[in-house]
């Protein structure tokens, strides 16, 4: 199992999620008052997913380092 490759893939996914979050944050600036709650809920959901993906990438990166040091 190549943890380094997996970590990079997770980091790429995290960056894509960051862009999606930014897109919704920009929508907040022009959204009507009645849509703010819905957009904020979407942003919160994406942020939770982003942090899960980012933390998984960090964990995989640590495993890759441990595997290197063990070899």
C-alpha atoms as a PDB file:
ATOM      1  CA  UNK A   1       0.000   0.000   0.000  1.00  0.00           C
ATOM      2  CA  UNK A   2       1.506   3.339  -1.034  1.00  0.00           C
ATOM      3  CA  UNK A   3       0.439   5.783   1.636  1.00  0.00           C
ATOM      4  CA  UNK A   4       2.231   8.703  -0.031  1.00  0.00           C
ATOM      5  CA  UNK A   5       0.179   8.390  -3.212  1.00  0.00           C
ATOM      6  CA  UNK A   6      -3.017   8.014  -1.236  1.00  0.00           C
ATOM      7  CA  UNK A   7      -2.157  11.083   0.862  1.00  0.00           C
ATOM      8  CA  UNK A   8      -1.558  13.183  -2.266  1.00  0.00           C
ATOM      9  CA  UNK A   9      -4.907  12.079  -3.695  1.00  0.00           C
ATOM     10  CA  UNK A  10      -6.635  13.086  -0.476  1.00  0.00           C
ATOM     11  CA  UNK A  11      -4.884  16.473  -0.505  1.00  0.00           C
ATOM     12  CA  UNK A  12      -6.109  17.032  -4.083  1.00  0.00           C
ATOM     13  CA  UNK A  13      -9.632  16.156  -3.002  1.00  0.00           C
ATOM     14  CA  UNK A  14      -9.349  18.544  -0.056  1.00  0.00           C
ATOM     15  CA  UNK A  15      -8.313  21.368  -2.397  1.00  0.00           C
ATOM     16  CA  UNK A  16     -11.321  20.686  -4.616  1.00  0.00           C
ATOM     17  CA  UNK A  17     -13.561  20.842  -1.569  1.00  0.00           C
ATOM     18  CA  UNK A  18     -11.966  24.143  -0.574  1.00  0.00           C
ATOM     19  CA  UNK A  19     -12.841  25.582  -3.971  1.00  0.00           C
ATOM     20  CA  UNK A  20     -16.419  24.387  -3.607  1.00  0.00           C
ATOM     21  CA  UNK A  21     -16.645  26.000  -0.168  1.00  0.00           C
ATOM     22  CA  UNK A  22     -15.344  29.264  -1.609  1.00  0.00           C
ATOM     23  CA  UNK A  23     -17.954  29.112  -4.358  1.00  0.00           C
ATOM     24  CA  UNK A  24     -20.755  28.857  -1.800  1.00  0.00           C
ATOM     25  CA  UNK A  25     -19.202  31.579   0.369  1.00  0.00           C
ATOM     26  CA  UNK A  26     -19.287  33.866  -2.654  1.00  0.00           C
ATOM     27  CA  UNK A  27     -22.948  32.995  -3.178  1.00  0.00           C
ATOM     28  CA  UNK A  28     -23.647  34.266   0.339  1.00  0.00           C
ATOM     29  CA  UNK A  29     -22.721  37.777  -0.750  1.00  0.00           C
ATOM     30  CA  UNK A  30     -25.523  37.951  -3.312  1.00  0.00           C
ATOM     31  CA  UNK A  31     -28.059  35.555  -1.806  1.00  0.00           C
ATOM     32  CA  UNK A  32     -31.461  36.615  -0.608  1.00  0.00           C
ATOM     33  CA  UNK A  33     -32.078  36.519   3.121  1.00  0.00           C
ATOM     34  CA  UNK A  34     -34.302  33.432   2.873  1.00  0.00           C
ATOM     35  CA  UNK A  35     -31.508  31.425   1.205  1.00  0.00           C
ATOM     36  CA  UNK A  36     -28.750  32.278   3.687  1.00  0.00           C
ATOM     37  CA  UNK A  37     -29.571  29.478   6.110  1.00  0.00           C
ATOM     38  CA  UNK A  38     -29.568  26.872   3.360  1.00  0.00           C
ATOM     39  CA  UNK A  39     -26.261  28.075   1.912  1.00  0.00           C
ATOM     40  CA  UNK A  40     -24.662  28.211   5.360  1.00  0.00           C
ATOM     41  CA  UNK A  41     -25.818  24.653   5.978  1.00  0.00           C
ATOM     42  CA  UNK A  42     -24.228  23.531   2.711  1.00  0.00           C
ATOM     43  CA  UNK A  43     -20.982  25.300   3.624  1.00  0.00           C
ATOM     44  CA  UNK A  44     -20.950  23.645   7.051  1.00  0.00           C
ATOM     45  CA  UNK A  45     -21.430  20.231   5.479  1.00  0.00           C
ATOM     46  CA  UNK A  46     -18.620  20.768   2.994  1.00  0.00           C
ATOM     47  CA  UNK A  47     -16.336  22.047   5.750  1.00  0.00           C
ATOM     48  CA  UNK A  48     -16.931  18.888   7.787  1.00  0.00           C
ATOM     49  CA  UNK A  49     -16.105  16.756   4.771  1.00  0.00           C
ATOM     50  CA  UNK A  50     -13.051  18.916   4.015  1.00  0.00           C
ATOM     51  CA  UNK A  51     -11.648  18.470   7.526  1.00  0.00           C
ATOM     52  CA  UNK A  52     -12.245  14.705   7.399  1.00  0.00           C
ATOM     53  CA  UNK A  53     -10.462  14.434   4.047  1.00  0.00           C
ATOM     54  CA  UNK A  54      -7.609  16.735   5.099  1.00  0.00           C
ATOM     55  CA  UNK A  55      -7.055  14.877   8.379  1.00  0.00           C
ATOM     56  CA  UNK A  56      -7.093  11.549   6.548  1.00  0.00           C
ATOM     57  CA  UNK A  57      -4.430  12.895   4.185  1.00  0.00           C
ATOM     58  CA  UNK A  58      -2.277  13.914   7.151  1.00  0.00           C
ATOM     59  CA  UNK A  59      -2.724  10.509   8.766  1.00  0.00           C
ATOM     60  CA  UNK A  60      -1.730   8.748   5.540  1.00  0.00           C
ATOM     61  CA  UNK A  61       1.284  11.021   5.224  1.00  0.00           C
ATOM     62  CA  UNK A  62       2.370  10.062   8.750  1.00  0.00           C
ATOM     63  CA  UNK A  63       1.951   6.371   7.947  1.00  0.00           C
ATOM     64  CA  UNK A  64       4.095   6.829   4.847  1.00  0.00           C
ATOM     65  CA  UNK A  65       6.838   8.407   6.970  1.00  0.00           C
ATOM     66  CA  UNK A  66       6.591   5.620   9.532  1.00  0.00           C
ATOM     67  CA  UNK A  67       6.840   3.024   6.781  1.00  0.00           C
ATOM     68  CA  UNK A  68       9.915   4.770   5.355  1.00  0.00           C
ATOM     69  CA  UNK A  69      11.588   4.880   8.750  1.00  0.00           C
ATOM     70  CA  UNK A  70      10.822   1.212   9.389  1.00  0.00           C
ATOM     71  CA  UNK A  71      12.363   0.108   6.090  1.00  0.00           C
END
